[in-house]
């Protein structure tokens, strides 16, 4: 569907829906970002934004949602070699 850059776990499925698809919550941190934050990615009818640090991605005010990637979800990606 989409390749999303500059993210790290946790990845969440949010309760909000855009164009019949759930919004995603991703953690944005590192690479010059001093204070990490969670960004909302909304489906535009074709895909999700590929970069959560620029619009149309927005900072989440309420980071509620179901974690699907990360420690709480029981799945963590393997670190790059």
PDB file of N, CA and C in Angstrom:
ATOM      1  N   UNK A   1       0.835  -1.191   0.000  1.00  0.00           N
ATOM      2  CA  UNK A   1       0.000   0.000   0.000  1.00  0.00           C
ATOM      3  C   UNK A   1       0.873   1.246   0.000  1.00  0.00           C
ATOM      4  N   UNK A   2       1.784   1.346   0.985  1.00  0.00           N
ATOM      5  CA  UNK A   2       2.649   2.514   1.103  1.00  0.00           C
ATOM      6  C   UNK A   2       3.927   2.129   1.807  1.00  0.00           C
ATOM      7  N   UNK A   3       5.007   2.754   1.430  1.00  0.00           N
ATOM      8  CA  UNK A   3       6.261   2.630   2.161  1.00  0.00           C
ATOM      9  C   UNK A   3       6.422   3.932   2.945  1.00  0.00           C
ATOM     10  N   UNK A   4       6.527   3.817   4.266  1.00  0.00           N
ATOM     11  CA  UNK A   4       6.581   5.002   5.127  1.00  0.00           C
ATOM     12  C   UNK A   4       7.984   5.130   5.702  1.00  0.00           C
ATOM     13  N   UNK A   5       8.603   6.279   5.488  1.00  0.00           N
ATOM     14  CA  UNK A   5       9.962   6.507   5.967  1.00  0.00           C
ATOM     15  C   UNK A   5       9.958   7.158   7.349  1.00  0.00           C
ATOM     16  N   UNK A   6      11.114   7.198   7.961  1.00  0.00           N
ATOM     17  CA  UNK A   6      11.355   7.950   9.192  1.00  0.00           C
ATOM     18  C   UNK A   6      10.397   7.582  10.320  1.00  0.00           C
ATOM     19  N   UNK A   7      10.112   6.330  10.495  1.00  0.00           N
ATOM     20  CA  UNK A   7       9.257   5.907  11.594  1.00  0.00           C
ATOM     21  C   UNK A   7       9.969   4.852  12.414  1.00  0.00           C
ATOM     22  N   UNK A   8       9.484   4.661  13.610  1.00  0.00           N
ATOM     23  CA  UNK A   8       9.974   3.593  14.470  1.00  0.00           C
ATOM     24  C   UNK A   8       8.811   3.123  15.321  1.00  0.00           C
ATOM     25  N   UNK A   9       8.893   1.913  15.848  1.00  0.00           N
ATOM     26  CA  UNK A   9       7.797   1.421  16.689  1.00  0.00           C
ATOM     27  C   UNK A   9       7.586   2.309  17.901  1.00  0.00           C
ATOM     28  N   UNK A  10       6.390   2.411  18.380  1.00  0.00           N
ATOM     29  CA  UNK A  10       5.220   1.625  17.997  1.00  0.00           C
ATOM     30  C   UNK A  10       4.482   2.220  16.801  1.00  0.00           C
ATOM     31  N   UNK A  11       3.820   1.337  16.078  1.00  0.00           N
ATOM     32  CA  UNK A  11       2.911   1.718  14.990  1.00  0.00           C
ATOM     33  C   UNK A  11       1.515   1.338  15.471  1.00  0.00           C
ATOM     34  N   UNK A  12       0.567   2.271  15.360  1.00  0.00           N
ATOM     35  CA  UNK A  12      -0.787   2.030  15.867  1.00  0.00           C
ATOM     36  C   UNK A  12      -1.838   2.185  14.774  1.00  0.00           C
ATOM     37  N   UNK A  13      -2.914   1.431  14.930  1.00  0.00           N
ATOM     38  CA  UNK A  13      -4.134   1.646  14.145  1.00  0.00           C
ATOM     39  C   UNK A  13      -5.023   2.500  15.031  1.00  0.00           C
ATOM     40  N   UNK A  14      -5.404   3.663  14.533  1.00  0.00           N
ATOM     41  CA  UNK A  14      -6.189   4.609  15.321  1.00  0.00           C
ATOM     42  C   UNK A  14      -7.686   4.359  15.139  1.00  0.00           C
ATOM     43  N   UNK A  15      -8.491   4.815  16.095  1.00  0.00           N
ATOM     44  CA  UNK A  15      -9.941   4.620  15.985  1.00  0.00           C
ATOM     45  C   UNK A  15     -10.584   5.508  14.911  1.00  0.00           C
ATOM     46  N   UNK A  16      -9.891   6.544  14.464  1.00  0.00           N
ATOM     47  CA  UNK A  16     -10.440   7.448  13.446  1.00  0.00           C
ATOM     48  C   UNK A  16     -10.284   6.830  12.058  1.00  0.00           C
ATOM     49  N   UNK A  17     -11.201   7.201  11.159  1.00  0.00           N
ATOM     50  CA  UNK A  17     -11.238   6.625   9.814  1.00  0.00           C
ATOM     51  C   UNK A  17     -11.311   7.746   8.777  1.00  0.00           C
ATOM     52  N   UNK A  18     -10.521   7.594   7.703  1.00  0.00           N
ATOM     53  CA  UNK A  18     -10.535   8.539   6.589  1.00  0.00           C
ATOM     54  C   UNK A  18     -10.656   7.733   5.300  1.00  0.00           C
ATOM     55  N   UNK A  19     -11.619   8.052   4.464  1.00  0.00           N
ATOM     56  CA  UNK A  19     -11.868   7.326   3.206  1.00  0.00           C
ATOM     57  C   UNK A  19     -12.012   5.821   3.456  1.00  0.00           C
ATOM     58  N   UNK A  20     -12.753   5.465   4.509  1.00  0.00           N
ATOM     59  CA  UNK A  20     -13.064   4.070   4.854  1.00  0.00           C
ATOM     60  C   UNK A  20     -11.876   3.258   5.365  1.00  0.00           C
ATOM     61  N   UNK A  21     -10.728   3.880   5.613  1.00  0.00           N
ATOM     62  CA  UNK A  21      -9.555   3.183   6.154  1.00  0.00           C
ATOM     63  C   UNK A  21      -9.173   3.831   7.474  1.00  0.00           C
ATOM     64  N   UNK A  22      -8.732   3.020   8.418  1.00  0.00           N
ATOM     65  CA  UNK A  22      -8.282   3.558   9.700  1.00  0.00           C
ATOM     66  C   UNK A  22      -7.033   4.412   9.514  1.00  0.00           C
ATOM     67  N   UNK A  23      -6.956   5.496  10.291  1.00  0.00           N
ATOM     68  CA  UNK A  23      -5.744   6.307  10.329  1.00  0.00           C
ATOM     69  C   UNK A  23      -4.671   5.524  11.076  1.00  0.00           C
ATOM     70  N   UNK A  24      -3.414   5.831  10.799  1.00  0.00           N
ATOM     71  CA  UNK A  24      -2.293   5.185  11.467  1.00  0.00           C
ATOM     72  C   UNK A  24      -1.574   6.189  12.355  1.00  0.00           C
ATOM     73  N   UNK A  25      -1.053   5.715  13.463  1.00  0.00           N
ATOM     74  CA  UNK A  25      -0.214   6.533  14.337  1.00  0.00           C
ATOM     75  C   UNK A  25       1.188   5.968  14.325  1.00  0.00           C
ATOM     76  N   UNK A  26       2.178   6.806  14.029  1.00  0.00           N
ATOM     77  CA  UNK A  26       3.569   6.357  13.974  1.00  0.00           C
ATOM     78  C   UNK A  26       4.436   7.274  14.818  1.00  0.00           C
ATOM     79  N   UNK A  27       5.471   6.715  15.413  1.00  0.00           N
ATOM     80  CA  UNK A  27       6.408   7.504  16.198  1.00  0.00           C
ATOM     81  C   UNK A  27       7.444   8.110  15.273  1.00  0.00           C
ATOM     82  N   UNK A  28       7.690   9.399  15.431  1.00  0.00           N
ATOM     83  CA  UNK A  28       8.698  10.113  14.660  1.00  0.00           C
ATOM     84  C   UNK A  28       9.734  10.610  15.657  1.00  0.00           C
ATOM     85  N   UNK A  29      10.988  10.188  15.491  1.00  0.00           N
ATOM     86  CA  UNK A  29      12.049  10.582  16.416  1.00  0.00           C
ATOM     87  C   UNK A  29      13.398  10.375  15.750  1.00  0.00           C
ATOM     88  N   UNK A  30      14.414  11.071  16.277  1.00  0.00           N
ATOM     89  CA  UNK A  30      15.765  10.944  15.748  1.00  0.00           C
ATOM     90  C   UNK A  30      15.970  11.785  14.511  1.00  0.00           C
ATOM     91  N   UNK A  31      17.151  11.688  13.921  1.00  0.00           N
ATOM     92  CA  UNK A  31      17.452  12.423  12.690  1.00  0.00           C
ATOM     93  C   UNK A  31      17.300  13.917  12.821  1.00  0.00           C
ATOM     94  N   UNK A  32      17.629  14.465  13.992  1.00  0.00           N
ATOM     95  CA  UNK A  32      17.510  15.895  14.217  1.00  0.00           C
ATOM     96  C   UNK A  32      16.242  16.299  14.942  1.00  0.00           C
ATOM     97  N   UNK A  33      15.309  15.377  15.112  1.00  0.00           N
ATOM     98  CA  UNK A  33      14.094  15.672  15.868  1.00  0.00           C
ATOM     99  C   UNK A  33      14.427  15.469  17.336  1.00  0.00           C
ATOM    100  N   UNK A  34      14.459  16.554  18.093  1.00  0.00           N
ATOM    101  CA  UNK A  34      14.879  16.505  19.490  1.00  0.00           C
ATOM    102  C   UNK A  34      13.855  15.774  20.354  1.00  0.00           C
ATOM    103  N   UNK A  35      12.612  16.190  20.286  1.00  0.00           N
ATOM    104  CA  UNK A  35      11.551  15.543  21.053  1.00  0.00           C
ATOM    105  C   UNK A  35      10.680  14.731  20.100  1.00  0.00           C
ATOM    106  N   UNK A  36      10.713  13.405  20.251  1.00  0.00           N
ATOM    107  CA  UNK A  36       9.887  12.557  19.407  1.00  0.00           C
ATOM    108  C   UNK A  36       8.408  12.840  19.621  1.00  0.00           C
ATOM    109  N   UNK A  37       7.611  12.503  18.635  1.00  0.00           N
ATOM    110  CA  UNK A  37       6.165  12.705  18.721  1.00  0.00           C
ATOM    111  C   UNK A  37       5.471  11.655  17.872  1.00  0.00           C
ATOM    112  N   UNK A  38       4.173  11.509  18.085  1.00  0.00           N
ATOM    113  CA  UNK A  38       3.381  10.589  17.290  1.00  0.00           C
ATOM    114  C   UNK A  38       2.667  11.377  16.196  1.00  0.00           C
ATOM    115  N   UNK A  39       2.720  10.855  14.982  1.00  0.00           N
ATOM    116  CA  UNK A  39       2.082  11.508  13.842  1.00  0.00           C
ATOM    117  C   UNK A  39       0.906  10.677  13.355  1.00  0.00           C
ATOM    118  N   UNK A  40      -0.136  11.364  12.893  1.00  0.00           N
ATOM    119  CA  UNK A  40      -1.318  10.709  12.302  1.00  0.00           C
ATOM    120  C   UNK A  40      -1.136  10.692  10.789  1.00  0.00           C
ATOM    121  N   UNK A  41      -1.329   9.507  10.209  1.00  0.00           N
ATOM    122  CA  UNK A  41      -1.295   9.348   8.761  1.00  0.00           C
ATOM    123  C   UNK A  41      -2.692   8.955   8.312  1.00  0.00           C
ATOM    124  N   UNK A  42      -3.275   9.764   7.447  1.00  0.00           N
ATOM    125  CA  UNK A  42      -4.635   9.512   6.947  1.00  0.00           C
ATOM    126  C   UNK A  42      -4.578   8.969   5.529  1.00  0.00           C
ATOM    127  N   UNK A  43      -5.423   8.005   5.255  1.00  0.00           N
ATOM    128  CA  UNK A  43      -5.530   7.424   3.923  1.00  0.00           C
ATOM    129  C   UNK A  43      -6.195   8.446   3.009  1.00  0.00           C
ATOM    130  N   UNK A  44      -5.638   8.669   1.814  1.00  0.00           N
ATOM    131  CA  UNK A  44      -6.190   9.687   0.917  1.00  0.00           C
ATOM    132  C   UNK A  44      -7.076   9.109  -0.188  1.00  0.00           C
ATOM    133  N   UNK A  45      -7.417   7.836  -0.069  1.00  0.00           N
ATOM    134  CA  UNK A  45      -8.203   7.181  -1.106  1.00  0.00           C
ATOM    135  C   UNK A  45      -7.349   6.282  -1.975  1.00  0.00           C
ATOM    136  N   UNK A  46      -6.022   6.500  -1.953  1.00  0.00           N
ATOM    137  CA  UNK A  46      -5.091   5.682  -2.730  1.00  0.00           C
ATOM    138  C   UNK A  46      -3.964   5.119  -1.876  1.00  0.00           C
ATOM    139  N   UNK A  47      -3.475   5.916  -0.916  1.00  0.00           N
ATOM    140  CA  UNK A  47      -2.360   5.479  -0.079  1.00  0.00           C
ATOM    141  C   UNK A  47      -2.266   6.351   1.169  1.00  0.00           C
ATOM    142  N   UNK A  48      -1.350   5.976   2.037  1.00  0.00           N
ATOM    143  CA  UNK A  48      -1.027   6.784   3.212  1.00  0.00           C
ATOM    144  C   UNK A  48       0.174   7.662   2.868  1.00  0.00           C
ATOM    145  N   UNK A  49       0.372   8.789   3.560  1.00  0.00           N
ATOM    146  CA  UNK A  49       1.556   9.606   3.305  1.00  0.00           C
ATOM    147  C   UNK A  49       2.834   8.800   3.536  1.00  0.00           C
ATOM    148  N   UNK A  50       3.852   9.048   2.740  1.00  0.00           N
ATOM    149  CA  UNK A  50       5.103   8.297   2.866  1.00  0.00           C
ATOM    150  C   UNK A  50       6.078   8.936   3.853  1.00  0.00           C
ATOM    151  N   UNK A  51       5.838  10.192   4.234  1.00  0.00           N
ATOM    152  CA  UNK A  51       6.734  10.869   5.171  1.00  0.00           C
ATOM    153  C   UNK A  51       5.901  11.491   6.290  1.00  0.00           C
ATOM    154  N   UNK A  52       6.017  10.971   7.517  1.00  0.00           N
ATOM    155  CA  UNK A  52       5.202  11.472   8.619  1.00  0.00           C
ATOM    156  C   UNK A  52       5.687  12.788   9.224  1.00  0.00           C
ATOM    157  N   UNK A  53       6.754  13.369   8.680  1.00  0.00           N
ATOM    158  CA  UNK A  53       7.262  14.630   9.238  1.00  0.00           C
ATOM    159  C   UNK A  53       6.754  15.865   8.501  1.00  0.00           C
ATOM    160  N   UNK A  54       6.050  15.671   7.393  1.00  0.00           N
ATOM    161  CA  UNK A  54       5.546  16.804   6.608  1.00  0.00           C
ATOM    162  C   UNK A  54       4.065  16.610   6.304  1.00  0.00           C
ATOM    163  N   UNK A  55       3.334  17.718   6.036  1.00  0.00           N
ATOM    164  CA  UNK A  55       1.915  17.579   5.673  1.00  0.00           C
ATOM    165  C   UNK A  55       1.776  16.704   4.434  1.00  0.00           C
ATOM    166  N   UNK A  56       0.718  15.919   4.358  1.00  0.00           N
ATOM    167  CA  UNK A  56      -0.513  15.990   5.128  1.00  0.00           C
ATOM    168  C   UNK A  56      -0.475  15.281   6.483  1.00  0.00           C
ATOM    169  N   UNK A  57       0.648  14.673   6.880  1.00  0.00           N
ATOM    170  CA  UNK A  57       0.738  14.075   8.214  1.00  0.00           C
ATOM    171  C   UNK A  57       0.621  15.176   9.264  1.00  0.00           C
ATOM    172  N   UNK A  58       0.009  14.849  10.394  1.00  0.00           N
ATOM    173  CA  UNK A  58      -0.157  15.826  11.466  1.00  0.00           C
ATOM    174  C   UNK A  58       0.259  15.210  12.796  1.00  0.00           C
ATOM    175  N   UNK A  59       0.639  16.057  13.748  1.00  0.00           N
ATOM    176  CA  UNK A  59       0.956  15.570  15.087  1.00  0.00           C
ATOM    177  C   UNK A  59      -0.316  15.141  15.785  1.00  0.00           C
ATOM    178  N   UNK A  60      -0.244  13.998  16.451  1.00  0.00           N
ATOM    179  CA  UNK A  60      -1.392  13.492  17.202  1.00  0.00           C
ATOM    180  C   UNK A  60      -1.491  14.190  18.546  1.00  0.00           C
ATOM    181  N   UNK A  61      -2.692  14.621  18.888  1.00  0.00           N
ATOM    182  CA  UNK A  61      -2.927  15.207  20.209  1.00  0.00           C
ATOM    183  C   UNK A  61      -3.318  14.125  21.197  1.00  0.00           C
ATOM    184  N   UNK A  62      -4.037  13.108  20.728  1.00  0.00           N
ATOM    185  CA  UNK A  62      -4.471  11.996  21.568  1.00  0.00           C
ATOM    186  C   UNK A  62      -3.947  10.709  20.940  1.00  0.00           C
ATOM    187  N   UNK A  63      -2.838  10.163  21.441  1.00  0.00           N
ATOM    188  CA  UNK A  63      -2.227   8.999  20.795  1.00  0.00           C
ATOM    189  C   UNK A  63      -2.893   7.661  21.115  1.00  0.00           C
ATOM    190  N   UNK A  64      -4.220   7.642  21.264  1.00  0.00           N
ATOM    191  CA  UNK A  64      -4.934   6.386  21.511  1.00  0.00           C
ATOM    192  C   UNK A  64      -4.950   5.549  20.243  1.00  0.00           C
ATOM    193  N   UNK A  65      -5.001   4.252  20.411  1.00  0.00           N
ATOM    194  CA  UNK A  65      -5.083   3.356  19.271  1.00  0.00           C
ATOM    195  C   UNK A  65      -4.570   1.983  19.654  1.00  0.00           C
ATOM    196  N   UNK A  66      -4.702   1.049  18.736  1.00  0.00           N
ATOM    197  CA  UNK A  66      -4.236  -0.319  18.984  1.00  0.00           C
ATOM    198  C   UNK A  66      -2.869  -0.499  18.348  1.00  0.00           C
ATOM    199  N   UNK A  67      -1.893  -0.824  19.171  1.00  0.00           N
ATOM    200  CA  UNK A  67      -0.541  -1.032  18.685  1.00  0.00           C
ATOM    201  C   UNK A  67      -0.493  -2.327  17.876  1.00  0.00           C
ATOM    202  N   UNK A  68       0.013  -2.242  16.639  1.00  0.00           N
ATOM    203  CA  UNK A  68       0.117  -3.422  15.787  1.00  0.00           C
ATOM    204  C   UNK A  68       1.573  -3.804  15.523  1.00  0.00           C
ATOM    205  N   UNK A  69       2.488  -2.874  15.709  1.00  0.00           N
ATOM    206  CA  UNK A  69       3.921  -3.155  15.630  1.00  0.00           C
ATOM    207  C   UNK A  69       4.570  -2.502  16.837  1.00  0.00           C
ATOM    208  N   UNK A  70       5.321  -3.274  17.598  1.00  0.00           N
ATOM    209  CA  UNK A  70       5.975  -2.772  18.796  1.00  0.00           C
ATOM    210  C   UNK A  70       5.873  -3.787  19.919  1.00  0.00           C
ATOM    211  N   UNK A  71       6.444  -3.446  21.053  1.00  0.00           N
ATOM    212  CA  UNK A  71       6.506  -4.373  22.176  1.00  0.00           C
ATOM    213  C   UNK A  71       5.133  -4.813  22.665  1.00  0.00           C
ATOM    214  N   UNK A  72       4.177  -3.884  22.806  1.00  0.00           N
ATOM    215  CA  UNK A  72       2.832  -4.254  23.282  1.00  0.00           C
ATOM    216  C   UNK A  72       2.123  -5.187  22.312  1.00  0.00           C
ATOM    217  N   UNK A  73       2.429  -5.068  21.036  1.00  0.00           N
ATOM    218  CA  UNK A  73       1.800  -5.912  20.020  1.00  0.00           C
ATOM    219  C   UNK A  73       2.476  -7.278  19.936  1.00  0.00           C
ATOM    220  N   UNK A  74       3.630  -7.420  20.596  1.00  0.00           N
ATOM    221  CA  UNK A  74       4.350  -8.681  20.559  1.00  0.00           C
ATOM    222  C   UNK A  74       5.191  -8.859  19.312  1.00  0.00           C
ATOM    223  N   UNK A  75       5.380  -7.783  18.557  1.00  0.00           N
ATOM    224  CA  UNK A  75       6.189  -7.871  17.356  1.00  0.00           C
ATOM    225  C   UNK A  75       7.067  -6.637  17.230  1.00  0.00           C
ATOM    226  N   UNK A  76       8.370  -6.855  17.169  1.00  0.00           N
ATOM    227  CA  UNK A  76       9.320  -5.766  16.966  1.00  0.00           C
ATOM    228  C   UNK A  76      10.156  -6.103  15.729  1.00  0.00           C
ATOM    229  N   UNK A  77      10.369  -5.127  14.844  1.00  0.00           N
ATOM    230  CA  UNK A  77      11.220  -5.399  13.685  1.00  0.00           C
ATOM    231  C   UNK A  77      12.652  -5.668  14.132  1.00  0.00           C
ATOM    232  N   UNK A  78      13.380  -6.460  13.344  1.00  0.00           N
ATOM    233  CA  UNK A  78      14.764  -6.737  13.662  1.00  0.00           C
ATOM    234  C   UNK A  78      15.615  -5.533  13.298  1.00  0.00           C
ATOM    235  N   UNK A  79      16.605  -5.186  14.165  1.00  0.00           N
ATOM    236  CA  UNK A  79      17.467  -4.046  13.858  1.00  0.00           C
ATOM    237  C   UNK A  79      18.262  -4.297  12.573  1.00  0.00           C
ATOM    238  N   UNK A  80      18.571  -3.230  11.870  1.00  0.00           N
ATOM    239  CA  UNK A  80      19.385  -3.344  10.668  1.00  0.00           C
ATOM    240  C   UNK A  80      20.793  -3.777  11.054  1.00  0.00           C
ATOM    241  N   UNK A  81      21.439  -4.595  10.228  1.00  0.00           N
ATOM    242  CA  UNK A  81      22.797  -5.062  10.550  1.00  0.00           C
ATOM    243  C   UNK A  81      23.811  -3.954  10.502  1.00  0.00           C
TER     244      UNK A  81
END
